[in-house]
Amino acid sequence: MNANNLSKEHIKSARVMKLLDMVKKRKQRLHAANYKEKIESEFSPYLLAHEVPRIERALFFHNSQAQTARMSIAATRDRYMLLQTIYGILRGESIIKCDLSDLCDIKVENQGIHECQILIMRIVTGKTNGLKTLYGRVMRNTNEDLCPIGALALYLFARFEYGGEEIVWTSNKDWFDVKLLVDSNVKNNRKAITDQNYAKSIKQVN
């Protein structure tokens, strides 16, 4: 934040990095010695798995009483984000910053009665693994209410049908920067929603 004139190399010197590593390992040793519970707050959302259908319903019918069909864009968008992050085990930041061009659809045959459909999302923002590109994956769900691929289709339908959004698909330059999650008024489809858009909708579900 330019609070001083020290460079990154001076701040994160070899001695400082060694100290940080020592503290991190000491913390792990103390947790092991004291038999500290391994299930921490990061796992708490998964303990609410039985609430997912109720949250999905609430988001699906959110703004259903509104006078304009445009409000369905935000409702279907938030519902899709819920199912995509849960079943793809993704961070919200990763999907919020995602472009339409980061998605890929794959169909695998000979996997049963129906072909297997997989939606793959390239993760460019959020938790990373060095320089290696990470991917999120979701499959069709036997329960259509909880299917992230179906939720994506419904959201894009609402977005293009009621938002009046037009995209030229013939050139990568014209659509590669279009964001996956946009505001309901779709004034600028190259600007993603903020973290608070989705958080506000979830907080309203009680």
Protein backbone atom coordinates (compact mmCIF):
# COMPACT_ATOMS: atom_id res chain seq x y z
CA MET A 1 0.00 0.00 0.00
CA ASN A 2 3.08 2.22 -0.41
CA ALA A 3 3.29 2.78 3.34
CA ASN A 4 7.06 2.54 3.10
CA ASN A 5 9.74 2.37 0.46
CA LEU A 6 10.73 -1.24 1.15
CA SER A 7 10.61 -3.66 -1.75
CA LYS A 8 8.90 -7.03 -1.63
CA GLU A 9 12.31 -8.71 -1.46
CA HIS A 10 13.19 -6.74 1.67
CA ILE A 11 9.88 -7.41 3.38
CA LYS A 12 9.80 -11.13 2.57
CA SER A 13 13.43 -11.83 3.21
CA ALA A 14 14.84 -15.32 3.71
CA ARG A 15 14.87 -14.80 7.49
CA VAL A 16 11.23 -13.66 7.55
CA MET A 17 10.08 -16.59 5.39
CA LYS A 18 11.97 -19.00 7.64
CA LEU A 19 10.24 -17.51 10.68
CA LEU A 20 6.81 -17.80 9.06
CA ASP A 21 7.47 -21.44 8.18
CA MET A 22 8.60 -22.14 11.75
CA VAL A 23 5.43 -20.57 13.22
CA LYS A 24 3.19 -22.50 10.81
CA LYS A 25 4.78 -25.84 11.71
CA ARG A 26 4.64 -25.00 15.43
CA LYS A 27 0.91 -24.31 15.16
CA GLN A 28 0.37 -27.69 13.49
CA ARG A 29 2.40 -29.45 16.19
CA LEU A 30 0.40 -27.79 18.96
CA HIS A 31 -2.90 -28.80 17.33
CA ALA A 32 -1.70 -32.40 17.06
CA ALA A 33 -0.37 -32.47 20.65
CA ASN A 34 -3.65 -31.11 22.03
CA TYR A 35 -5.84 -33.28 19.79
CA LYS A 36 -7.62 -30.21 18.49
CA GLU A 37 -10.77 -30.91 16.50
CA LYS A 38 -9.97 -31.24 12.80
CA ILE A 39 -13.45 -30.28 11.59
CA GLU A 40 -13.23 -26.50 11.66
CA SER A 41 -15.37 -23.66 10.34
CA GLU A 42 -14.34 -24.32 6.73
CA PHE A 43 -16.42 -27.50 6.83
CA SER A 44 -19.53 -25.93 8.36
CA PRO A 45 -21.27 -25.31 5.00
CA TYR A 46 -21.11 -29.04 4.21
CA LEU A 47 -22.87 -29.81 7.50
CA LEU A 48 -25.87 -27.95 6.05
CA ALA A 49 -26.22 -30.24 3.02
CA HIS A 50 -29.79 -31.11 3.99
CA GLU A 51 -30.68 -27.40 3.63
CA VAL A 52 -29.59 -27.15 0.00
CA PRO A 53 -33.04 -28.06 -1.49
CA ARG A 54 -34.74 -25.44 0.69
CA ILE A 55 -32.22 -22.75 -0.27
CA GLU A 56 -32.57 -23.70 -3.95
CA ARG A 57 -36.35 -23.31 -3.75
CA ALA A 58 -36.06 -19.95 -2.01
CA LEU A 59 -33.68 -18.63 -4.68
CA PHE A 60 -35.84 -20.08 -7.48
CA PHE A 61 -38.93 -18.21 -6.29
CA HIS A 62 -37.02 -15.08 -5.28
CA ASN A 63 -38.54 -12.06 -7.03
CA SER A 64 -41.30 -14.30 -8.42
CA GLN A 65 -43.85 -11.67 -7.35
CA ALA A 66 -42.03 -8.89 -9.20
CA GLN A 67 -43.84 -7.13 -12.01
CA THR A 68 -41.02 -7.47 -14.52
CA ALA A 69 -39.58 -10.66 -16.01
CA ARG A 70 -36.12 -9.08 -15.87
CA MET A 71 -35.98 -9.81 -12.14
CA SER A 72 -35.83 -13.51 -12.98
CA ILE A 73 -32.29 -12.96 -14.28
CA ALA A 74 -30.93 -12.30 -10.79
CA ALA A 75 -32.97 -15.13 -9.25
CA THR A 76 -31.85 -17.77 -11.76
CA ARG A 77 -28.27 -16.44 -11.61
CA ASP A 78 -28.04 -16.81 -7.83
CA ARG A 79 -29.65 -20.27 -7.98
CA TYR A 80 -27.09 -21.39 -10.56
CA MET A 81 -24.22 -20.02 -8.49
CA LEU A 82 -25.45 -21.94 -5.44
CA LEU A 83 -25.57 -25.27 -7.28
CA GLN A 84 -22.36 -24.70 -9.26
CA THR A 85 -20.27 -23.84 -6.19
CA ILE A 86 -21.66 -26.71 -4.12
CA TYR A 87 -21.49 -29.53 -6.66
CA GLY A 88 -18.30 -28.25 -8.27
CA ILE A 89 -16.70 -27.61 -4.84
CA LEU A 90 -15.75 -24.12 -6.03
CA ARG A 91 -15.00 -20.85 -4.30
CA GLY A 92 -17.47 -18.07 -4.97
CA GLU A 93 -14.66 -15.81 -6.13
CA SER A 94 -13.73 -18.27 -8.87
CA ILE A 95 -17.16 -18.37 -10.46
CA ILE A 96 -17.87 -14.64 -10.05
CA LYS A 97 -14.76 -13.75 -12.08
CA CYS A 98 -15.46 -16.46 -14.69
CA ASP A 99 -15.97 -15.61 -18.37
CA LEU A 100 -18.36 -17.44 -20.66
CA SER A 101 -15.28 -18.58 -22.59
CA ASP A 102 -14.03 -20.41 -19.48
CA LEU A 103 -16.82 -22.98 -19.82
CA CYS A 104 -16.63 -26.20 -21.79
CA ASP A 105 -19.32 -28.84 -22.31
CA ILE A 106 -18.36 -32.48 -22.79
CA LYS A 107 -20.62 -35.42 -23.55
CA VAL A 108 -19.45 -38.97 -22.90
CA GLU A 109 -21.39 -41.84 -24.47
CA ASN A 110 -21.68 -45.48 -23.43
CA GLN A 111 -22.04 -44.61 -19.73
CA GLY A 112 -25.54 -45.98 -19.26
CA ILE A 113 -29.00 -45.33 -20.63
CA HIS A 114 -28.24 -41.66 -21.21
CA GLU A 115 -25.05 -39.99 -22.33
CA CYS A 116 -22.99 -38.42 -19.58
CA GLN A 117 -22.87 -34.61 -19.77
CA ILE A 118 -20.07 -32.76 -17.96
CA LEU A 119 -19.62 -29.01 -17.57
CA ILE A 120 -16.00 -27.94 -17.04
CA MET A 121 -15.02 -24.48 -15.80
CA ARG A 122 -11.49 -23.12 -16.05
CA ILE A 123 -10.51 -21.43 -12.78
CA VAL A 124 -8.43 -18.32 -13.38
CA THR A 125 -9.13 -16.44 -10.13
CA GLY A 126 -9.20 -17.62 -6.56
CA LYS A 127 -7.36 -20.49 -4.93
CA THR A 128 -4.59 -21.60 -7.26
CA ASN A 129 -1.89 -24.23 -7.38
CA GLY A 130 1.18 -22.35 -8.54
CA LEU A 131 1.17 -21.89 -12.30
CA LYS A 132 -1.03 -24.93 -12.90
CA THR A 133 -4.50 -24.24 -14.27
CA LEU A 134 -7.30 -25.68 -12.13
CA TYR A 135 -10.72 -26.80 -13.32
CA GLY A 136 -14.13 -27.18 -11.71
CA ARG A 137 -16.41 -29.98 -12.90
CA VAL A 138 -20.11 -30.70 -12.51
CA MET A 139 -22.35 -33.37 -14.00
CA ARG A 140 -26.04 -33.59 -14.75
CA ASN A 141 -28.01 -34.36 -11.59
CA THR A 142 -30.78 -36.93 -11.54
CA ASN A 143 -32.81 -34.37 -9.57
CA GLU A 144 -33.57 -31.54 -11.98
CA ASP A 145 -34.10 -29.11 -9.09
CA LEU A 146 -30.48 -29.59 -7.99
CA CYS A 147 -28.85 -29.86 -11.42
CA PRO A 148 -26.21 -27.14 -11.96
CA ILE A 149 -26.17 -27.67 -15.73
CA GLY A 150 -29.93 -27.22 -15.93
CA ALA A 151 -29.64 -24.18 -13.66
CA LEU A 152 -27.08 -22.67 -16.05
CA ALA A 153 -29.38 -23.25 -19.02
CA LEU A 154 -32.30 -21.59 -17.22
CA TYR A 155 -30.16 -18.61 -16.19
CA LEU A 156 -28.78 -18.04 -19.69
CA PHE A 157 -32.30 -18.31 -21.13
CA ALA A 158 -33.58 -15.66 -18.74
CA ARG A 159 -30.54 -13.51 -19.39
CA PHE A 160 -30.81 -13.52 -23.18
CA GLU A 161 -34.62 -13.63 -23.40
CA TYR A 162 -35.51 -10.98 -20.84
CA GLY A 163 -32.30 -8.99 -20.67
CA GLY A 164 -32.21 -8.23 -24.35
CA GLU A 165 -28.54 -9.16 -24.46
CA GLU A 166 -27.05 -9.82 -27.87
CA ILE A 167 -23.68 -11.48 -28.38
CA VAL A 168 -21.79 -11.96 -31.64
CA TRP A 169 -20.42 -15.52 -31.50
CA THR A 170 -18.57 -15.52 -34.82
CA SER A 171 -15.42 -13.90 -33.43
CA ASN A 172 -13.63 -14.76 -30.19
CA LYS A 173 -12.79 -11.09 -29.75
CA ASP A 174 -16.50 -10.25 -29.53
CA TRP A 175 -17.45 -12.63 -26.75
CA PHE A 176 -14.39 -14.06 -24.93
CA ASP A 177 -14.49 -11.25 -22.34
CA VAL A 178 -18.23 -11.58 -21.63
CA LYS A 179 -18.74 -12.47 -17.96
CA LEU A 180 -20.67 -15.51 -16.83
CA LEU A 181 -22.46 -13.72 -13.98
CA VAL A 182 -23.73 -10.23 -14.75
CA ASP A 183 -26.15 -7.74 -13.23
CA SER A 184 -29.83 -8.20 -14.01
CA ASN A 185 -29.97 -5.07 -16.16
CA VAL A 186 -27.10 -6.41 -18.34
CA LYS A 187 -25.89 -2.90 -19.18
CA ASN A 188 -22.29 -4.09 -19.36
CA ASN A 189 -21.84 -7.82 -19.91
CA ARG A 190 -18.07 -7.45 -19.52
CA LYS A 191 -18.46 -6.49 -15.88
CA ALA A 192 -19.13 -9.25 -13.37
CA ILE A 193 -21.35 -8.95 -10.33
CA THR A 194 -19.74 -8.09 -7.01
CA ASP A 195 -19.29 -10.50 -4.13
CA GLN A 196 -22.11 -8.74 -2.30
CA ASN A 197 -24.72 -9.47 -4.98
CA TYR A 198 -24.81 -13.17 -4.18
CA ALA A 199 -24.15 -12.72 -0.45
CA LYS A 200 -27.16 -10.44 -0.13
CA SER A 201 -29.46 -13.00 -1.77
CA ILE A 202 -28.20 -15.81 0.46
CA LYS A 203 -28.65 -13.72 3.60
CA GLN A 204 -32.28 -13.14 2.65
CA VAL A 205 -32.92 -16.89 2.74
CA ASN A 206 -33.96 -17.68 6.29
